[in-house]
Amino acid sequence: MSLLPIDEAHQRILDGIAPVESESVDLLTAIDRVLAAPVTARLTQPPFNASAMDGYGVRATDVATAPTTLRVIGEANAGGPFAGEVAAGEAVRIFTGASLPRGADTVVIQENTTRNGDKVTITEAAMPGANMRLAGGDFRNGDLLLPEGRLLDASAITLAAAGGHDAMLVRRRPRVAILATGDELVEPGGTLAPGQIISSNPYGLAAMVKHFGGEPRLLGIARDSIEDLRAKLDEAGDADVLITIGGASVGDRDLVKPALEAHGMTLDFWRVAIRPGKPMLFGRRGPMRILGLPGNPLSCLIAARIFLVPLLFKLLGRTDDPSQLRAAVLTHDVAGNTGRQHYMRATLTDSPAGLPRVTALKVQDSAHMSALVAANALIVRAPQAAPATAGDVVSVLPIDF
């Protein structure tokens, strides 16, 4: 069976995916959720002409020249407006955030005044509208504040609250079931018998799923038998995505593919032209998407970043592209590539001028997790790419999990 190109694998995984259902959440729990509907303003901000500085609310015609002396007729505070009207030759003491009194159309800052009892001398002329925040200057009732598909961060939540919202409609978190497979696996903290290793992949994947907006569900470890695999697969329940780890290669004990097919999976593809991570499969069981990832920890996490994260984005209805590559300048020579797209672990550093600089780690063995921990980017080398030299511009994918 020939290896499937990366772009085609992406297309098949994302084909026909619709966003998951929506739910309402309050502002305190909205962080890192994805909007399922646009947020529009329910009020105007500011709701009135407001002073941007401490000073005096005046008529612009009275302060077109300076010095000039005006009579102070009252005071306006934030939340405590002046009820009267400013007439010619009058001023109101005003503080930041207070609404401008009727008749006033300018604020003279305190530093440009001298006060003597109920008289204030304006020592520097002011332009009409100076030091004011106009009503609706930020947004007006009915304006679009946040589009559907927006990831909610602190600034977005602040804007929604200012717009009159105490709750928002967001996508529920996609449910991702994670199943490790293999007789050799032991849960973290367990005692290793000869030939056994720690099952670390599910915990890294669960962290990645959480980081990108999903809800992970660990199904434990399935032993190398069709019966145990099928029993564990039953526990996936209503998951939107099922991830199996390991057992998807071509060995006699690689039973994941036949177990999934016996469980009702329709195989879409098996084995991808990627390095690391070739022994990967994708299939469907009704609405559930199934990703079979390699058992090698580094290959597993990289394959998940390449294929699982875009799937989560589409399930969440996010409008940004997690597969967007950046350009960077190589700091050293790189050999030509083979027939599989290579994701080389690397460090990306900002440059004072121009593009960032990228350096591949010396250790590229897919068995070395420490190499992934030391990296913050992946250099993407296309199949059959020619050798590259220091100073060449290459494509990189940030490691953002």
Foldseek 3Di string as FASTA:
>chain_A
DDFAALVVLQCVQQPPFAAAFKDKDFLVPQAQFFAQAFFFFQFWVVQAKWFQAFAKFAALVQQQDDFDKAFEDEEWEQVRGDADAHDPRYIYGYHGNTHHHHPGFEGQHHVQWDDDPRMITGGHGDHGNYRIDHIRNPHGRGHTLGGGQDGDHPVSSVSSVVSPDRMGMGGAAAEEEEEEEEPQEDDPPDDHDPNHDYQPQVVVVCVVSVVLRHHYDYLYYFYQDLVSLLVSVVVSPPGQEYEYEALQDPDPSSCNVVSVVVNQWDWDDAAHQEPPWGGWTWTDRVSHIYIYTYNQRLRRVVVCQSHVSQSSSNNRVHPDDLPDWDKAFEQFKDAWAAQGWYWFFWAWACDPDDGIYIYGDPDRPSNDPVSNVPGQKTFIHHHRGHIDGGGDMTIIRGPDD
